[in-house]
C-alpha atoms as a PDB file:
ATOM      1  CA  MET A   1      33.419 -89.129 -55.096  1.00  0.00           C
ATOM      2  CA  LYS A   2      33.728 -91.346 -52.033  1.00  0.00           C
ATOM      3  CA  ARG A   3      36.400 -89.052 -50.629  1.00  0.00           C
ATOM      4  CA  LEU A   4      34.145 -86.030 -51.033  1.00  0.00           C
ATOM      5  CA  ALA A   5      31.269 -87.799 -49.273  1.00  0.00           C
ATOM      6  CA  LEU A   6      33.587 -88.935 -46.496  1.00  0.00           C
ATOM      7  CA  PHE A   7      34.953 -85.408 -46.096  1.00  0.00           C
ATOM      8  CA  ALA A   8      31.440 -83.940 -45.974  1.00  0.00           C
ATOM      9  CA  ALA A   9      30.362 -86.481 -43.360  1.00  0.00           C
ATOM     10  CA  ALA A  10      33.441 -85.763 -41.241  1.00  0.00           C
ATOM     11  CA  ALA A  11      32.851 -82.014 -41.487  1.00  0.00           C
ATOM     12  CA  LEU A  12      29.240 -82.383 -40.364  1.00  0.00           C
ATOM     13  CA  CYS A  13      30.226 -84.599 -37.455  1.00  0.00           C
ATOM     14  CA  ALA A  14      32.841 -82.081 -36.360  1.00  0.00           C
ATOM     15  CA  ALA A  15      30.483 -79.108 -36.675  1.00  0.00           C
ATOM     16  CA  GLY A  16      27.511 -80.761 -34.939  1.00  0.00           C
ATOM     17  CA  PRO A  17      28.694 -80.273 -31.340  1.00  0.00           C
ATOM     18  CA  ALA A  18      29.761 -76.708 -32.102  1.00  0.00           C
ATOM     19  CA  LEU A  19      26.295 -75.840 -33.405  1.00  0.00           C
ATOM     20  CA  ALA A  20      24.448 -77.213 -30.372  1.00  0.00           C
ATOM     21  CA  GLY A  21      27.177 -77.083 -27.768  1.00  0.00           C
ATOM     22  CA  PRO A  22      27.131 -76.294 -24.071  1.00  0.00           C
ATOM     23  CA  ASN A  23      26.643 -72.568 -24.760  1.00  0.00           C
ATOM     24  CA  ASP A  24      23.253 -73.158 -26.394  1.00  0.00           C
ATOM     25  CA  GLN A  25      21.069 -70.996 -24.108  1.00  0.00           C
ATOM     26  CA  ALA A  26      17.809 -71.795 -25.878  1.00  0.00           C
ATOM     27  CA  GLY A  27      18.460 -75.512 -25.535  1.00  0.00           C
ATOM     28  CA  LYS A  28      19.168 -75.114 -21.830  1.00  0.00           C
ATOM     29  CA  ARG A  29      15.933 -73.183 -21.356  1.00  0.00           C
ATOM     30  CA  TRP A  30      13.873 -75.794 -23.197  1.00  0.00           C
ATOM     31  CA  LYS A  31      15.482 -78.566 -21.159  1.00  0.00           C
ATOM     32  CA  GLN A  32      14.721 -76.774 -17.878  1.00  0.00           C
ATOM     33  CA  ALA A  33      11.126 -76.164 -18.985  1.00  0.00           C
ATOM     34  CA  ASP A  34      10.774 -79.884 -19.760  1.00  0.00           C
ATOM     35  CA  ILE A  35      12.163 -80.722 -16.315  1.00  0.00           C
ATOM     36  CA  CYS A  36       9.701 -78.334 -14.625  1.00  0.00           C
ATOM     37  CA  VAL A  37       6.715 -79.828 -16.457  1.00  0.00           C
ATOM     38  CA  GLY A  38       7.930 -83.391 -15.852  1.00  0.00           C
ATOM     39  CA  ASP A  39       8.360 -82.779 -12.124  1.00  0.00           C
ATOM     40  CA  ALA A  40       4.885 -81.249 -11.907  1.00  0.00           C
ATOM     41  CA  ASN A  41       3.420 -84.273 -13.714  1.00  0.00           C
ATOM     42  CA  LYS A  42       5.151 -86.632 -11.270  1.00  0.00           C
ATOM     43  CA  GLN A  43       3.879 -84.691  -8.248  1.00  0.00           C
ATOM     44  CA  VAL A  44       0.265 -84.494  -9.475  1.00  0.00           C
ATOM     45  CA  PRO A  45      -0.528 -87.469 -11.738  1.00  0.00           C
ATOM     46  CA  ASP A  46      -4.341 -87.105 -11.611  1.00  0.00           C
ATOM     47  CA  HIS A  47      -6.308 -85.926 -14.639  1.00  0.00           C
ATOM     48  CA  ASN A  48      -9.196 -83.961 -13.149  1.00  0.00           C
ATOM     49  CA  ALA A  49      -9.554 -80.188 -13.472  1.00  0.00           C
ATOM     50  CA  ALA A  50      -8.318 -79.433  -9.941  1.00  0.00           C
ATOM     51  CA  ALA A  51      -5.201 -81.533 -10.486  1.00  0.00           C
ATOM     52  CA  GLN A  52      -4.558 -79.817 -13.818  1.00  0.00           C
ATOM     53  CA  ARG A  53      -4.712 -76.401 -12.140  1.00  0.00           C
ATOM     54  CA  LYS A  54      -2.338 -77.556  -9.399  1.00  0.00           C
ATOM     55  CA  ARG A  55       0.021 -79.026 -12.019  1.00  0.00           C
ATOM     56  CA  ASP A  56      -0.017 -75.741 -13.951  1.00  0.00           C
ATOM     57  CA  GLN A  57       0.777 -73.820 -10.772  1.00  0.00           C
ATOM     58  CA  LEU A  58       3.665 -76.134  -9.843  1.00  0.00           C
ATOM     59  CA  ALA A  59       5.121 -75.905 -13.347  1.00  0.00           C
ATOM     60  CA  ASN A  60       4.778 -72.104 -13.410  1.00  0.00           C
ATOM     61  CA  ASP A  61       6.386 -71.759  -9.964  1.00  0.00           C
ATOM     62  CA  CYS A  62       9.340 -73.824 -11.182  1.00  0.00           C
ATOM     63  CA  MET A  63       9.578 -71.799 -14.386  1.00  0.00           C
ATOM     64  CA  VAL A  64       9.601 -68.501 -12.476  1.00  0.00           C
ATOM     65  CA  ALA A  65      12.200 -69.874 -10.040  1.00  0.00           C
ATOM     66  CA  HIS A  66      14.480 -70.604 -13.009  1.00  0.00           C
ATOM     67  CA  LYS A  67      13.802 -67.191 -14.593  1.00  0.00           C
ATOM     68  CA  LEU A  68      11.780 -68.631 -17.456  1.00  0.00           C
ATOM     69  CA  PRO A  69       8.464 -67.272 -18.762  1.00  0.00           C
ATOM     70  CA  PRO A  70       5.410 -68.985 -17.270  1.00  0.00           C
ATOM     71  CA  LEU A  71       3.480 -71.456 -19.349  1.00  0.00           C
ATOM     72  CA  THR A  72       0.053 -70.738 -20.766  1.00  0.00           C
ATOM     73  CA  ASN A  73      -2.489 -72.368 -18.485  1.00  0.00           C
ATOM     74  CA  ILE A  74      -3.867 -75.580 -19.883  1.00  0.00           C
ATOM     75  CA  ALA A  75      -6.300 -76.394 -17.092  1.00  0.00           C
ATOM     76  CA  PRO A  76      -9.931 -75.339 -17.389  1.00  0.00           C
ATOM     77  CA  ALA A  77     -10.932 -72.233 -15.446  1.00  0.00           C
ATOM     78  CA  ASP A  78     -13.269 -74.078 -13.060  1.00  0.00           C
ATOM     79  CA  ASP A  79     -14.711 -77.518 -12.310  1.00  0.00           C
ATOM     80  CA  THR A  80     -17.727 -77.104 -14.569  1.00  0.00           C
ATOM     81  CA  PRO A  81     -18.033 -79.893 -17.103  1.00  0.00           C
ATOM     82  CA  PRO A  82     -17.291 -79.010 -20.701  1.00  0.00           C
ATOM     83  CA  ALA A  83     -20.193 -78.179 -22.963  1.00  0.00           C
ATOM     84  CA  PRO A  84     -21.541 -81.129 -24.941  1.00  0.00           C
ATOM     85  CA  VAL A  85     -20.372 -81.329 -28.510  1.00  0.00           C
ATOM     86  CA  THR A  86     -23.207 -81.090 -31.008  1.00  0.00           C
ATOM     87  CA  PRO A  87     -22.733 -82.999 -34.232  1.00  0.00           C
ATOM     88  CA  LYS A  88     -22.618 -81.000 -37.436  1.00  0.00           C
ATOM     89  CA  PRO A  89     -25.471 -81.579 -39.862  1.00  0.00           C
ATOM     90  CA  ASN A  90     -24.395 -83.230 -43.093  1.00  0.00           C
END
């Protein structure tokens, strides 16, 4: 039984790099998207609406430069404050 478990563990270790190896295009795209968003966050660390729009634009410019689809905008459309949240009646 121990030999079977050892063999299974060795087979999984050997197959792991082949499953997510250097030819993993999706992994490369996700990594580049993470780099684009991280760079935009470093360039514009503020948390107001104008900074969020600028951060979205920087990230999208980087994504387009690397032939990736642009991100969905997260920033609010304008500088108007969000509507107040009304509590639900119990």
